[in-house]
N, C-alpha and C. Protein backbone atom coordinates (compact mmCIF):
# COMPACT_ATOMS: atom_id res chain seq x y z
N UNK A 1 6.61 2.50 6.60
CA UNK A 1 6.69 1.06 6.64
C UNK A 1 7.53 0.61 5.45
N UNK A 2 8.53 -0.19 5.74
CA UNK A 2 9.43 -0.63 4.69
C UNK A 2 9.12 -2.08 4.29
N UNK A 3 9.79 -2.55 3.24
CA UNK A 3 9.50 -3.86 2.69
C UNK A 3 9.77 -4.99 3.68
N UNK A 4 10.78 -4.86 4.48
CA UNK A 4 11.07 -5.92 5.44
C UNK A 4 9.94 -6.06 6.48
N UNK A 5 9.34 -4.95 6.87
CA UNK A 5 8.22 -5.02 7.81
C UNK A 5 7.02 -5.70 7.11
N UNK A 6 6.82 -5.39 5.85
CA UNK A 6 5.70 -5.98 5.12
C UNK A 6 5.90 -7.47 4.92
N UNK A 7 7.13 -7.91 4.73
CA UNK A 7 7.40 -9.33 4.52
C UNK A 7 7.11 -10.15 5.80
N UNK A 8 7.21 -9.50 6.93
CA UNK A 8 6.95 -10.19 8.19
C UNK A 8 5.45 -10.34 8.48
N UNK A 9 4.62 -9.62 7.75
CA UNK A 9 3.19 -9.68 7.98
C UNK A 9 2.57 -10.93 7.35
N UNK A 10 1.42 -11.33 7.85
CA UNK A 10 0.73 -12.46 7.24
C UNK A 10 -0.05 -11.96 6.02
N UNK A 11 -0.57 -12.92 5.25
CA UNK A 11 -1.30 -12.56 4.06
C UNK A 11 -2.54 -11.70 4.38
N UNK A 12 -3.19 -12.06 5.48
CA UNK A 12 -4.40 -11.33 5.88
C UNK A 12 -4.04 -9.90 6.30
N UNK A 13 -2.97 -9.75 7.05
CA UNK A 13 -2.54 -8.41 7.45
C UNK A 13 -2.15 -7.55 6.26
N UNK A 14 -1.50 -8.18 5.28
CA UNK A 14 -1.13 -7.44 4.09
C UNK A 14 -2.35 -6.97 3.33
N UNK A 15 -3.36 -7.85 3.18
CA UNK A 15 -4.58 -7.49 2.48
C UNK A 15 -5.30 -6.35 3.17
N UNK A 16 -5.35 -6.41 4.50
CA UNK A 16 -5.99 -5.35 5.25
C UNK A 16 -5.24 -4.03 5.14
N UNK A 17 -3.95 -4.10 5.20
CA UNK A 17 -3.13 -2.88 5.04
C UNK A 17 -3.27 -2.28 3.67
N UNK A 18 -3.32 -3.13 2.66
CA UNK A 18 -3.50 -2.65 1.28
C UNK A 18 -4.88 -1.97 1.16
N UNK A 19 -5.89 -2.56 1.73
CA UNK A 19 -7.22 -1.98 1.65
C UNK A 19 -7.26 -0.61 2.33
N UNK A 20 -6.67 -0.51 3.52
CA UNK A 20 -6.65 0.74 4.23
C UNK A 20 -5.86 1.83 3.45
N UNK A 21 -4.75 1.40 2.86
CA UNK A 21 -3.89 2.31 2.13
C UNK A 21 -4.59 2.86 0.84
N UNK A 22 -5.27 1.95 0.15
CA UNK A 22 -5.98 2.40 -1.05
C UNK A 22 -7.13 3.31 -0.71
N UNK A 23 -7.85 3.03 0.38
CA UNK A 23 -8.92 3.89 0.80
C UNK A 23 -8.39 5.27 1.19
N UNK A 24 -7.27 5.29 1.91
CA UNK A 24 -6.66 6.57 2.30
C UNK A 24 -6.20 7.33 1.06
N UNK A 25 -5.63 6.63 0.13
CA UNK A 25 -5.15 7.23 -1.10
C UNK A 25 -6.33 7.87 -1.87
N UNK A 26 -7.44 7.14 -1.91
CA UNK A 26 -8.64 7.67 -2.57
C UNK A 26 -9.11 8.97 -1.92
N UNK A 27 -9.15 8.93 -0.59
CA UNK A 27 -9.61 10.15 0.13
C UNK A 27 -8.67 11.32 -0.09
N UNK A 28 -7.38 11.03 -0.10
CA UNK A 28 -6.38 12.08 -0.38
C UNK A 28 -6.52 12.67 -1.78
N UNK A 29 -6.79 11.79 -2.74
CA UNK A 29 -6.95 12.28 -4.14
C UNK A 29 -8.19 13.21 -4.25
N UNK A 30 -9.27 12.78 -3.62
CA UNK A 30 -10.48 13.62 -3.64
C UNK A 30 -10.21 14.94 -2.94
N UNK A 31 -9.56 14.88 -1.81
CA UNK A 31 -9.26 16.10 -1.05
C UNK A 31 -8.33 17.03 -1.85
N UNK A 32 -7.40 16.42 -2.58
CA UNK A 32 -6.46 17.25 -3.38
C UNK A 32 -7.21 17.97 -4.49
N UNK A 33 -8.28 17.37 -4.99
CA UNK A 33 -9.05 18.00 -6.05
C UNK A 33 -9.93 19.13 -5.53
N UNK A 34 -10.40 18.98 -4.31
CA UNK A 34 -11.34 19.95 -3.78
C UNK A 34 -10.72 21.06 -2.93
N UNK A 35 -9.56 20.77 -2.34
CA UNK A 35 -8.89 21.76 -1.51
C UNK A 35 -7.40 21.49 -1.45
N UNK A 36 -6.67 22.35 -0.86
CA UNK A 36 -5.21 22.19 -0.78
C UNK A 36 -4.90 21.21 0.35
N UNK A 37 -3.98 20.27 0.04
CA UNK A 37 -3.56 19.31 1.06
C UNK A 37 -2.56 19.93 2.01
N UNK A 38 -2.61 19.52 3.27
CA UNK A 38 -1.61 19.97 4.25
C UNK A 38 -0.24 19.39 3.94
N UNK A 39 -0.24 18.12 3.54
CA UNK A 39 1.03 17.44 3.24
C UNK A 39 0.88 16.68 1.90
N UNK A 40 1.16 17.35 0.79
CA UNK A 40 1.02 16.69 -0.51
C UNK A 40 1.90 15.44 -0.68
N UNK A 41 2.92 15.33 0.13
CA UNK A 41 3.81 14.15 0.03
C UNK A 41 3.10 12.89 0.49
N UNK A 42 1.98 13.03 1.18
CA UNK A 42 1.22 11.83 1.62
C UNK A 42 0.71 11.02 0.44
N UNK A 43 0.37 11.70 -0.64
CA UNK A 43 -0.08 10.98 -1.86
C UNK A 43 1.04 10.04 -2.34
N UNK A 44 2.23 10.54 -2.46
CA UNK A 44 3.35 9.76 -2.91
C UNK A 44 3.65 8.62 -1.95
N UNK A 45 3.62 8.88 -0.66
CA UNK A 45 3.89 7.85 0.32
C UNK A 45 2.90 6.72 0.26
N UNK A 46 1.62 7.07 0.11
CA UNK A 46 0.58 6.03 0.03
C UNK A 46 0.65 5.22 -1.26
N UNK A 47 0.97 5.90 -2.38
CA UNK A 47 1.13 5.15 -3.64
C UNK A 47 2.27 4.17 -3.52
N UNK A 48 3.39 4.59 -2.98
CA UNK A 48 4.54 3.71 -2.82
C UNK A 48 4.27 2.57 -1.88
N UNK A 49 3.53 2.82 -0.79
CA UNK A 49 3.22 1.77 0.15
C UNK A 49 2.34 0.72 -0.50
N UNK A 50 1.36 1.17 -1.27
CA UNK A 50 0.48 0.23 -1.99
C UNK A 50 1.30 -0.59 -2.96
N UNK A 51 2.22 0.01 -3.67
CA UNK A 51 3.07 -0.70 -4.61
C UNK A 51 3.94 -1.72 -3.88
N UNK A 52 4.47 -1.35 -2.74
CA UNK A 52 5.30 -2.30 -1.97
C UNK A 52 4.50 -3.51 -1.53
N UNK A 53 3.28 -3.27 -1.07
CA UNK A 53 2.39 -4.35 -0.60
C UNK A 53 2.07 -5.28 -1.79
N UNK A 54 1.73 -4.69 -2.94
CA UNK A 54 1.44 -5.49 -4.13
C UNK A 54 2.65 -6.32 -4.54
N UNK A 55 3.85 -5.75 -4.42
CA UNK A 55 5.07 -6.48 -4.77
C UNK A 55 5.30 -7.67 -3.85
N UNK A 56 5.12 -7.46 -2.57
CA UNK A 56 5.32 -8.54 -1.60
C UNK A 56 4.28 -9.62 -1.87
N UNK A 57 3.02 -9.26 -2.12
CA UNK A 57 1.99 -10.26 -2.39
C UNK A 57 2.33 -11.05 -3.67
N UNK A 58 2.81 -10.39 -4.69
CA UNK A 58 3.18 -11.05 -5.94
C UNK A 58 4.37 -11.99 -5.73
N UNK A 59 5.34 -11.56 -4.94
CA UNK A 59 6.47 -12.43 -4.66
C UNK A 59 6.03 -13.69 -3.96
N UNK A 60 5.08 -13.58 -3.05
CA UNK A 60 4.57 -14.75 -2.34
C UNK A 60 3.83 -15.67 -3.30
N UNK A 61 3.06 -15.11 -4.21
CA UNK A 61 2.32 -15.89 -5.21
C UNK A 61 3.30 -16.69 -6.07
N UNK A 62 4.35 -16.03 -6.52
CA UNK A 62 5.36 -16.69 -7.36
C UNK A 62 6.10 -17.79 -6.61
N UNK A 63 6.37 -17.52 -5.33
CA UNK A 63 7.05 -18.50 -4.52
C UNK A 63 6.19 -19.77 -4.33
N UNK A 64 4.89 -19.56 -4.10
CA UNK A 64 3.95 -20.69 -3.97
C UNK A 64 3.84 -21.45 -5.29
N UNK A 65 3.82 -20.74 -6.38
CA UNK A 65 3.70 -21.41 -7.67
C UNK A 65 4.94 -22.21 -8.03
N UNK A 66 6.07 -21.78 -7.56
CA UNK A 66 7.33 -22.49 -7.87
C UNK A 66 7.49 -23.72 -7.02
N UNK A 67 6.76 -23.80 -5.94
CA UNK A 67 6.89 -24.93 -5.02
C UNK A 67 6.06 -26.08 -5.44
């Protein structure tokens, strides 16, 4: 999922996606500690997705504050 797709989402959809992503990231971190991951790159992908979502949310906050 790229930034343009995230910008098209509503605030509620973004919040839900962020929640799902952070939960998945948590599960992956625990799994990485206890056993070998099938795809270690998933950790990086989930971290970046969470960061993108946070960035889009912050941009929206700043835009509302400027108005």
